[in-house]
Amino acid sequence: MEDNLYDAIIVGTGAAGLFTALSLPNECKVLMITKDEITKSDSYLAQGGIATLRSLDDYDSYYEDTMKAGRYKNNPESVQEMICSSQNIISKLVDYKVDFDKTKEGTFEYTREGGHSTYRILHHQDITGKEIVEKLLMEVKKHNNISILENTWMLDLIIKNNECSGIVSSCEEELSCYYGKAVYLATGGLGGIFKNSTNYSHITGDGLCISLRHGIEIHDINYIQIHPTVLYSQKEGRRFLISESVRGEGAVLLNEKKERFVNELLPRDLLTEAIYDEMNKYHTNHVYLSLANIKKEKILRHFPNIYNRCLEEGYDAFDELIPVTPAQHYLMGGIKTNINGRTSAKHLYAVGETACNGVHGANRLASNSLLESLVFARNAARCFVESDYNHVVLQPCARVDLEKYKDKNQWQKENRKLLSNEIKRRDKNFYDKWCKFKG
């Protein structure tokens, strides 16, 4: 059993999970598990960039942009914490050798996306998430105190009297229990249960489902973001996102008559509604994105991944219109936490997309996701060190009955049903309009 005892267990290897691990002391024995391969997180897919406070003069406008995008349903304390921590987070990423794009003069090159009143988004081409996750992972692998298990599912939390002491997991049909002074849920969103989503298919809201089962507080789970522009395709599988920064650099949206019909830099929820209305008006499955206003050199330098993916689908963005349509993208709600990642269960933390401290309100501002995942992951690590690390003693646990977890597929099916029913209960109008789930 000694091999299954850890100071901290982190479920998920996206940006939030990795940054949590790196923010814990080197003497802390850490286990990380991930449901698939280590890099298959939605953080890895993030294209546009990471927002940051450029100067103190930018604070008021950044705060207002975030609140306005969130329909003023944001938690002001969380928004302030995120913005005020942003420069320190960027400095740490630079220390980890994250290679943000630079101008010819060698200074940071900022871009702009929908809902932002100015240029404040750092990026690495159009694969910013990949760059950040890979550099964080390189750092994690330098730490002998951190172990990582791939292709390992969390099936349940071990909770007694509202105290979390570990997890039940499955790897290659073998069931195991791991125990820790603290458990961090960094399991991402719930896009994998949707028929059309930009998320990886295995990101199915596991942390949310298990929290619902245990009566752990969930907040605003119906606040689900539909991204306005994904590449339209009749193929099955994950939808490819066309980053907002493309529109920030001058791309425009056209309807079936090839007419511009909207301000492309509206917040995501408003732009999605405008596109949805235009599609209904002309009875089409998509609208068009034109990159004609962007220089070819700029496209190749800033958006090589998007350009090449469009080519693979048969569209040359230099000369052709790109068909785009809305699809599920992000969860603003989640497991309810404070700004230090604490949930309603003792010794259980939630970070990243699976957590909700209200920072995004009802709609996330573009490029705030990577930033908030890092800010509050660091806070959660510090909170554990200050409160639980030296004060929690792992007690021998009663034997866990593993028999009920043997049918993993049935367990997953029940979880999907649990989630979809909860979304429907909280917002039937949204459910009826956007929620097309996998079978």
Protein backbone atom coordinates (compact mmCIF):
# COMPACT_ATOMS: atom_id res chain seq x y z
CA MET A 1 0.00 0.00 0.00
CA GLU A 2 2.99 2.31 0.59
CA ASP A 3 3.39 2.58 -3.18
CA ASN A 4 -0.11 4.01 -3.45
CA LEU A 5 0.40 6.83 -0.92
CA TYR A 6 1.12 10.35 -2.16
CA ASP A 7 1.16 13.86 -0.82
CA ALA A 8 -0.84 15.11 -3.79
CA ILE A 9 -2.76 13.38 -6.58
CA ILE A 10 -3.46 15.42 -9.72
CA VAL A 11 -6.04 14.11 -12.19
CA GLY A 12 -5.24 15.65 -15.57
CA THR A 13 -2.09 16.73 -17.43
CA GLY A 14 -3.25 19.90 -19.14
CA ALA A 15 -1.87 23.32 -18.32
CA ALA A 16 -3.64 23.51 -14.94
CA GLY A 17 -2.52 20.06 -13.82
CA LEU A 18 1.09 20.54 -14.91
CA PHE A 19 1.35 24.00 -13.36
CA THR A 20 -0.12 22.69 -10.10
CA ALA A 21 2.57 20.01 -9.98
CA LEU A 22 5.33 22.54 -10.68
CA SER A 23 4.00 24.87 -7.99
CA LEU A 24 4.23 22.22 -5.26
CA PRO A 25 7.44 21.79 -3.20
CA ASN A 26 10.12 19.49 -4.60
CA GLU A 27 9.86 17.26 -1.53
CA CYS A 28 6.16 16.71 -2.19
CA LYS A 29 5.44 13.24 -3.59
CA VAL A 30 3.07 13.81 -6.51
CA LEU A 31 1.10 11.43 -8.72
CA MET A 32 -0.40 12.69 -11.98
CA ILE A 33 -2.79 10.56 -14.01
CA THR A 34 -4.26 11.22 -17.43
CA LYS A 35 -7.04 9.42 -19.25
CA ASP A 36 -5.19 9.30 -22.59
CA GLU A 37 -1.71 10.20 -23.79
CA ILE A 38 -0.01 12.86 -21.73
CA THR A 39 -0.33 15.66 -24.30
CA LYS A 40 -3.96 14.98 -25.23
CA SER A 41 -5.48 17.79 -23.22
CA ASP A 42 -7.60 20.65 -24.48
CA SER A 43 -4.91 23.05 -23.25
CA TYR A 44 -2.65 21.55 -25.90
CA LEU A 45 -5.17 22.55 -28.58
CA ALA A 46 -5.41 26.22 -27.57
CA GLN A 47 -4.57 28.36 -30.59
CA GLY A 48 -5.03 32.07 -30.06
CA GLY A 49 -2.88 32.88 -27.07
CA ILE A 50 -2.78 33.95 -23.45
CA ALA A 51 -4.04 37.35 -22.35
CA THR A 52 -2.02 39.50 -19.97
CA LEU A 53 -2.03 42.92 -18.37
CA ARG A 54 0.36 45.00 -20.45
CA SER A 55 0.62 47.87 -17.95
CA LEU A 56 -1.25 49.31 -14.99
CA ASP A 57 -2.95 51.69 -17.41
CA ASP A 58 -4.58 48.67 -19.05
CA TYR A 59 -6.14 47.30 -15.84
CA ASP A 60 -9.50 49.09 -16.02
CA SER A 61 -10.11 48.19 -19.66
CA TYR A 62 -9.01 44.56 -19.20
CA TYR A 63 -11.27 44.24 -16.16
CA GLU A 64 -14.20 45.78 -18.04
CA ASP A 65 -13.61 43.60 -21.11
CA THR A 66 -13.68 40.47 -18.95
CA MET A 67 -16.78 41.54 -17.03
CA LYS A 68 -18.64 42.65 -20.16
CA ALA A 69 -17.92 39.38 -21.95
CA GLY A 70 -19.17 37.51 -18.87
CA ARG A 71 -22.40 39.55 -18.88
CA TYR A 72 -21.32 41.00 -15.52
CA LYS A 73 -22.02 37.68 -13.82
CA ASN A 74 -18.32 37.25 -13.03
CA ASN A 75 -16.92 37.10 -9.51
CA PRO A 76 -15.04 40.44 -9.21
CA GLU A 77 -12.53 39.00 -6.74
CA SER A 78 -11.59 36.23 -9.18
CA VAL A 79 -11.27 38.64 -12.10
CA GLN A 80 -9.01 40.94 -10.09
CA GLU A 81 -6.86 38.02 -8.96
CA MET A 82 -6.44 36.74 -12.51
CA ILE A 83 -5.52 40.09 -14.03
CA CYS A 84 -3.19 41.17 -11.23
CA SER A 85 -1.35 37.82 -11.37
CA SER A 86 -0.97 37.76 -15.14
CA GLN A 87 2.43 39.44 -15.50
CA ASN A 88 3.97 37.15 -12.90
CA ILE A 89 2.55 34.11 -14.69
CA ILE A 90 3.98 35.27 -18.03
CA SER A 91 7.39 35.79 -16.39
CA LYS A 92 7.26 32.23 -15.05
CA LEU A 93 6.38 30.87 -18.49
CA VAL A 94 9.32 32.75 -19.98
CA ASP A 95 11.52 31.18 -17.27
CA TYR A 96 10.24 27.82 -18.51
CA LYS A 97 11.41 28.79 -22.04
CA VAL A 98 7.96 29.37 -23.53
CA ASP A 99 8.73 31.07 -26.85
CA PHE A 100 6.20 33.84 -27.36
CA ASP A 101 6.33 35.53 -30.76
CA LYS A 102 8.39 38.72 -30.94
CA THR A 103 8.46 41.79 -33.13
CA LYS A 104 11.47 42.60 -35.32
CA GLU A 105 12.69 44.77 -32.44
CA GLY A 106 12.65 41.77 -30.09
CA THR A 107 9.69 42.84 -27.95
CA PHE A 108 6.56 40.78 -27.35
CA GLU A 109 4.12 40.75 -30.27
CA TYR A 110 0.57 41.16 -29.04
CA THR A 111 -2.61 40.32 -30.92
CA ARG A 112 -6.27 41.10 -30.32
CA GLU A 113 -9.36 38.90 -30.22
CA GLY A 114 -13.10 39.31 -29.87
CA GLY A 115 -14.21 41.28 -26.83
CA HIS A 116 -10.77 42.81 -26.17
CA SER A 117 -10.56 46.58 -26.48
CA THR A 118 -6.83 46.50 -27.21
CA TYR A 119 -3.91 44.24 -28.18
CA ARG A 120 -2.95 42.27 -25.05
CA ILE A 121 -2.67 38.64 -26.16
CA LEU A 122 0.67 36.86 -26.35
CA HIS A 123 0.98 33.92 -28.71
CA HIS A 124 3.24 31.37 -30.33
CA GLN A 125 2.08 31.25 -33.96
CA ASP A 126 -1.38 29.65 -33.74
CA ILE A 127 -0.30 26.81 -31.45
CA THR A 128 0.14 28.67 -28.17
CA GLY A 129 -1.35 25.89 -26.05
CA LYS A 130 0.99 23.30 -27.55
CA GLU A 131 3.99 25.53 -26.85
CA ILE A 132 3.01 26.14 -23.23
CA VAL A 133 2.04 22.55 -22.42
CA GLU A 134 5.18 21.09 -23.98
CA LYS A 135 7.43 23.48 -22.03
CA LEU A 136 5.58 22.78 -18.77
CA LEU A 137 5.84 19.06 -19.43
CA MET A 138 9.59 19.36 -20.02
CA GLU A 139 9.88 20.98 -16.58
CA VAL A 140 7.70 18.34 -14.91
CA LYS A 141 9.88 15.55 -16.32
CA LYS A 142 12.90 17.10 -14.59
CA HIS A 143 11.29 16.49 -11.19
CA ASN A 144 11.88 13.07 -9.66
CA ASN A 145 9.13 13.69 -7.13
CA ILE A 146 6.44 13.70 -9.84
CA SER A 147 5.15 10.43 -11.32
CA ILE A 148 2.83 10.30 -14.33
CA LEU A 149 0.48 7.49 -15.35
CA GLU A 150 -0.97 7.64 -18.86
CA ASN A 151 -4.13 5.88 -20.11
CA THR A 152 -5.42 5.82 -16.54
CA TRP A 153 -9.03 6.72 -15.83
CA MET A 154 -10.30 8.20 -12.59
CA LEU A 155 -13.52 6.31 -11.88
CA ASP A 156 -14.33 7.74 -8.47
CA LEU A 157 -13.16 9.77 -5.51
CA ILE A 158 -12.60 8.13 -2.14
CA ILE A 159 -14.65 10.32 0.19
CA LYS A 160 -15.86 9.73 3.73
CA ASN A 161 -17.55 12.32 5.95
CA ASN A 162 -16.93 14.95 3.24
CA GLU A 163 -13.17 14.36 3.37
CA CYS A 164 -11.39 13.26 0.21
CA SER A 165 -8.49 10.87 0.70
CA GLY A 166 -7.86 9.47 -2.76
CA ILE A 167 -9.17 8.12 -6.06
CA VAL A 168 -10.27 4.89 -7.68
CA SER A 169 -8.64 4.41 -11.09
CA SER A 170 -8.56 2.00 -13.99
CA CYS A 171 -5.66 1.20 -16.31
CA GLU A 172 -5.88 -1.60 -18.86
CA GLU A 173 -8.89 -3.01 -16.97
CA GLU A 174 -6.90 -3.16 -13.71
CA LEU A 175 -8.55 -1.26 -10.86
CA SER A 176 -6.45 0.55 -8.26
CA CYS A 177 -6.83 2.92 -5.33
CA TYR A 178 -4.42 5.81 -4.76
CA TYR A 179 -4.40 7.85 -1.57
CA GLY A 180 -3.23 11.41 -1.00
CA LYS A 181 -3.30 14.29 1.46
CA ALA A 182 -4.92 16.28 -1.33
CA VAL A 183 -6.59 15.47 -4.64
CA TYR A 184 -6.62 17.99 -7.49
CA LEU A 185 -9.23 17.62 -10.20
CA ALA A 186 -7.84 19.07 -13.43
CA THR A 187 -10.03 16.98 -15.70
CA GLY A 188 -11.01 19.70 -18.18
CA GLY A 189 -14.44 20.42 -19.59
CA LEU A 190 -17.22 18.25 -20.99
CA GLY A 191 -16.97 18.65 -24.76
CA GLY A 192 -16.46 14.92 -25.29
CA ILE A 193 -20.14 14.27 -24.59
CA PHE A 194 -21.20 16.66 -27.36
CA LYS A 195 -21.67 15.57 -30.96
CA ASN A 196 -19.94 18.73 -32.21
CA SER A 197 -17.09 20.05 -30.08
CA THR A 198 -13.55 21.37 -30.38
CA ASN A 199 -12.58 19.19 -27.39
CA TYR A 200 -10.89 15.82 -27.42
CA SER A 201 -13.47 13.04 -27.31
CA HIS A 202 -12.17 11.63 -24.01
CA ILE A 203 -12.76 14.95 -22.19
CA THR A 204 -16.16 13.95 -20.85
CA GLY A 205 -16.55 15.91 -17.61
CA ASP A 206 -15.41 13.07 -15.36
CA GLY A 207 -14.53 15.36 -12.46
CA LEU A 208 -17.93 17.02 -12.73
CA CYS A 209 -19.86 13.75 -12.87
CA ILE A 210 -18.07 12.28 -9.87
CA SER A 211 -18.57 15.51 -7.92
CA LEU A 212 -22.29 15.39 -8.71
CA ARG A 213 -22.42 11.81 -7.44
CA HIS A 214 -20.87 12.87 -4.13
CA GLY A 215 -22.92 16.01 -3.64
CA ILE A 216 -19.94 18.33 -4.08
CA GLU A 217 -21.09 21.82 -5.00
CA ILE A 218 -21.35 22.56 -8.73
CA HIS A 219 -21.76 26.11 -10.04
CA ASP A 220 -23.24 27.35 -13.34
CA ILE A 221 -22.79 24.05 -15.19
CA ASN A 222 -25.18 25.38 -17.84
CA TYR A 223 -22.74 28.17 -18.74
CA ILE A 224 -21.31 26.41 -21.77
CA GLN A 225 -19.53 28.36 -24.48
CA ILE A 226 -20.29 27.74 -28.13
CA HIS A 227 -17.34 28.95 -30.22
CA PRO A 228 -18.53 30.91 -33.26
CA THR A 229 -16.00 29.69 -35.82
CA VAL A 230 -14.95 26.10 -36.29
CA LEU A 231 -14.11 24.63 -39.67
CA TYR A 232 -17.30 23.18 -41.13
CA SER A 233 -17.04 19.50 -41.97
CA GLN A 234 -19.41 16.62 -42.55
CA LYS A 235 -16.83 14.20 -41.18
CA GLU A 236 -17.20 12.65 -37.74
CA GLY A 237 -14.83 13.61 -34.96
CA ARG A 238 -13.43 16.63 -33.16
CA ARG A 239 -14.11 20.00 -34.75
CA PHE A 240 -11.15 22.15 -35.76
CA LEU A 241 -11.27 25.64 -34.29
CA ILE A 242 -10.47 28.70 -36.39
CA SER A 243 -8.91 31.02 -33.84
CA GLU A 244 -10.48 34.33 -32.96
CA SER A 245 -7.12 35.97 -33.55
CA VAL A 246 -7.66 35.43 -37.29
CA ARG A 247 -10.57 37.84 -37.03
CA GLY A 248 -8.49 40.04 -34.75
CA GLU A 249 -6.00 40.40 -37.60
CA GLY A 250 -8.67 41.37 -40.13
CA ALA A 251 -10.61 38.31 -41.34
CA VAL A 252 -14.32 38.96 -41.97
CA LEU A 253 -17.46 36.84 -41.88
CA LEU A 254 -19.74 36.58 -44.92
CA ASN A 255 -23.19 35.10 -45.35
CA GLU A 256 -24.58 32.95 -48.15
CA LYS A 257 -24.76 36.04 -50.40
CA LYS A 258 -21.09 36.78 -49.63
CA GLU A 259 -22.13 39.87 -47.67
CA ARG A 260 -20.58 40.94 -44.39
CA PHE A 261 -23.26 40.77 -41.68
CA VAL A 262 -21.66 41.29 -38.26
CA ASN A 263 -18.87 42.91 -36.22
CA GLU A 264 -16.38 40.04 -36.11
CA LEU A 265 -14.89 41.16 -32.77
CA LEU A 266 -18.04 40.84 -30.69
CA PRO A 267 -17.77 38.61 -27.60
CA ARG A 268 -18.14 34.94 -28.50
CA ASP A 269 -21.70 34.46 -27.29
CA LEU A 270 -23.02 37.43 -29.26
CA LEU A 271 -21.13 36.48 -32.41
CA THR A 272 -22.33 32.89 -32.16
CA GLU A 273 -25.94 34.09 -31.98
CA ALA A 274 -25.42 36.34 -35.02
CA ILE A 275 -23.99 33.43 -37.03
CA TYR A 276 -26.76 31.11 -35.86
CA ASP A 277 -29.40 33.63 -36.97
CA GLU A 278 -27.72 34.08 -40.35
CA MET A 279 -27.58 30.33 -40.93
CA ASN A 280 -31.28 30.04 -40.10
CA LYS A 281 -32.08 32.96 -42.37
CA TYR A 282 -30.55 31.24 -45.41
CA HIS A 283 -31.15 27.64 -44.27
CA THR A 284 -27.43 26.80 -44.41
CA ASN A 285 -25.07 24.79 -42.20
CA HIS A 286 -22.32 27.41 -42.18
CA VAL A 287 -21.22 30.92 -43.04
CA TYR A 288 -17.89 31.93 -44.60
CA LEU A 289 -14.65 33.38 -43.27
CA SER A 290 -12.54 35.48 -45.63
CA LEU A 291 -8.84 36.07 -44.92
CA ALA A 292 -8.43 38.35 -47.94
CA ASN A 293 -7.57 41.32 -45.72
CA ILE A 294 -4.59 39.52 -44.16
CA LYS A 295 -1.27 39.48 -45.98
CA LYS A 296 -0.11 36.03 -47.10
CA GLU A 297 3.15 36.44 -45.18
CA LYS A 298 1.16 37.17 -42.01
CA ILE A 299 -1.02 34.10 -42.52
CA LEU A 300 1.98 31.82 -42.95
CA ARG A 301 3.84 33.31 -39.99
CA HIS A 302 1.01 33.69 -37.50
CA PHE A 303 -1.49 31.02 -38.61
CA PRO A 304 0.46 28.16 -40.25
CA ASN A 305 -1.49 25.46 -38.41
CA ILE A 306 -4.86 26.89 -39.44
CA TYR A 307 -3.73 27.47 -43.02
CA ASN A 308 -2.43 23.91 -43.40
CA ARG A 309 -5.51 22.33 -41.83
CA CYS A 310 -7.76 24.26 -44.20
CA LEU A 311 -5.62 23.01 -47.10
CA GLU A 312 -6.10 19.44 -45.88
CA GLU A 313 -9.86 20.00 -46.02
CA GLY A 314 -9.59 21.39 -49.55
CA TYR A 315 -9.63 25.15 -48.89
CA ASP A 316 -6.79 27.52 -49.74
CA ALA A 317 -7.23 30.42 -47.32
CA PHE A 318 -5.20 32.68 -49.61
CA ASP A 319 -7.82 32.57 -52.34
CA GLU A 320 -10.92 30.79 -51.04
CA LEU A 321 -13.61 31.39 -48.46
CA ILE A 322 -13.49 29.07 -45.45
CA PRO A 323 -16.82 27.56 -44.32
CA VAL A 324 -17.24 27.98 -40.56
CA THR A 325 -19.96 27.12 -38.07
CA PRO A 326 -20.42 27.24 -34.27
CA ALA A 327 -19.58 24.27 -32.01
CA GLN A 328 -19.25 23.55 -28.30
CA HIS A 329 -15.92 24.78 -26.99
CA TYR A 330 -15.64 25.59 -23.29
CA LEU A 331 -17.30 25.28 -19.89
CA MET A 332 -17.44 28.46 -17.78
CA GLY A 333 -19.20 26.67 -14.93
CA GLY A 334 -17.86 23.68 -13.05
CA ILE A 335 -16.97 22.45 -9.60
CA LYS A 336 -17.47 25.40 -7.27
CA THR A 337 -14.21 26.72 -5.79
CA ASN A 338 -12.80 29.80 -4.15
CA ILE A 339 -9.79 31.60 -5.66
CA ASN A 340 -7.53 29.02 -4.01
CA GLY A 341 -9.16 26.05 -5.70
CA ARG A 342 -10.89 24.73 -2.59
CA THR A 343 -14.11 22.80 -3.18
CA SER A 344 -16.91 22.01 -0.74
CA ALA A 345 -15.14 18.74 0.19
CA LYS A 346 -12.10 18.82 2.46
CA HIS A 347 -8.71 18.15 0.84
CA LEU A 348 -10.28 18.25 -2.63
CA TYR A 349 -9.22 20.98 -5.05
CA ALA A 350 -10.36 21.76 -8.59
CA VAL A 351 -8.37 23.75 -11.16
CA GLY A 352 -8.62 24.67 -14.82
CA GLU A 353 -11.75 24.28 -16.89
CA THR A 354 -13.35 21.78 -14.53
CA ALA A 355 -13.35 24.40 -11.75
CA CYS A 356 -15.56 27.46 -11.39
CA ASN A 357 -14.68 30.40 -9.18
CA GLY A 358 -16.75 32.76 -11.31
CA VAL A 359 -13.87 34.39 -13.15
CA HIS A 360 -15.53 33.99 -16.56
CA GLY A 361 -19.12 34.73 -15.59
CA ALA A 362 -21.63 33.58 -18.19
CA ASN A 363 -19.23 33.79 -21.15
CA ARG A 364 -15.42 33.59 -21.29
CA LEU A 365 -13.38 36.37 -22.84
CA ALA A 366 -11.03 35.03 -25.52
CA SER A 367 -7.57 33.92 -24.33
CA ASN A 368 -8.42 34.12 -20.64
CA SER A 369 -8.58 30.33 -20.29
CA LEU A 370 -4.85 29.56 -20.32
CA LEU A 371 -4.23 32.48 -17.98
CA GLU A 372 -6.87 31.56 -15.41
CA SER A 373 -5.85 27.90 -15.44
CA LEU A 374 -2.30 28.86 -14.46
CA VAL A 375 -3.18 31.59 -11.94
CA PHE A 376 -5.58 29.48 -9.91
CA ALA A 377 -3.53 26.28 -10.25
CA ARG A 378 -0.65 28.08 -8.56
CA ASN A 379 -3.01 29.40 -5.89
CA ALA A 380 -4.34 25.90 -5.22
CA ALA A 381 -0.84 24.48 -4.85
CA ARG A 382 0.12 27.23 -2.41
CA CYS A 383 -3.08 26.73 -0.43
CA PHE A 384 -2.31 23.04 0.06
CA VAL A 385 1.22 23.78 1.21
CA GLU A 386 0.03 26.40 3.69
CA SER A 387 -2.92 24.45 5.09
CA ASP A 388 -2.85 20.69 4.49
CA TYR A 389 0.65 19.55 3.56
CA ASN A 390 2.11 19.40 7.07
CA HIS A 391 -1.17 18.98 8.93
CA VAL A 392 -2.94 16.08 7.22
CA VAL A 393 -2.00 12.53 8.15
CA LEU A 394 -3.09 9.77 5.82
CA GLN A 395 -5.27 7.38 7.78
CA PRO A 396 -5.81 3.74 6.80
CA CYS A 397 -9.01 3.64 4.78
CA ALA A 398 -11.79 1.12 4.82
CA ARG A 399 -11.59 -1.30 1.93
CA VAL A 400 -13.08 0.12 -1.27
CA ASP A 401 -15.53 -2.16 -3.06
CA LEU A 402 -14.11 -2.22 -6.60
CA GLU A 403 -16.73 -4.57 -8.02
CA LYS A 404 -19.09 -1.77 -9.09
CA TYR A 405 -16.39 -0.16 -11.25
CA LYS A 406 -15.63 -3.16 -13.45
CA ASP A 407 -17.94 -2.12 -16.30
CA LYS A 408 -16.11 1.09 -17.22
CA ASN A 409 -18.21 1.76 -20.31
CA GLN A 410 -21.46 1.56 -18.35
CA TRP A 411 -19.99 3.88 -15.74
CA GLN A 412 -19.11 6.37 -18.50
CA LYS A 413 -22.59 6.10 -20.00
CA GLU A 414 -24.19 6.83 -16.64
CA ASN A 415 -21.90 9.82 -16.18
CA ARG A 416 -22.88 11.31 -19.55
CA LYS A 417 -26.54 10.92 -18.69
CA LEU A 418 -25.98 12.53 -15.30
CA LEU A 419 -24.30 15.54 -16.89
CA SER A 420 -26.79 16.03 -19.70
CA ASN A 421 -29.72 15.83 -17.29
CA GLU A 422 -28.14 18.42 -15.00
CA ILE A 423 -27.55 20.82 -17.90
CA LYS A 424 -31.15 20.37 -19.02
CA ARG A 425 -32.45 20.93 -15.49
CA ARG A 426 -30.57 24.21 -15.16
CA ASP A 427 -31.20 25.67 -18.63
CA LYS A 428 -33.69 23.88 -20.86
CA ASN A 429 -33.61 26.61 -23.52
CA PHE A 430 -29.84 26.24 -23.99
CA TYR A 431 -30.18 22.47 -23.86
CA ASP A 432 -32.82 22.37 -26.59
CA LYS A 433 -30.89 24.76 -28.84
CA TRP A 434 -27.31 23.52 -28.61
CA CYS A 435 -27.07 20.19 -26.82
CA LYS A 436 -26.69 17.39 -29.31
CA PHE A 437 -24.98 14.58 -27.44
CA LYS A 438 -23.19 11.46 -28.54
CA GLY A 439 -25.01 8.20 -28.14
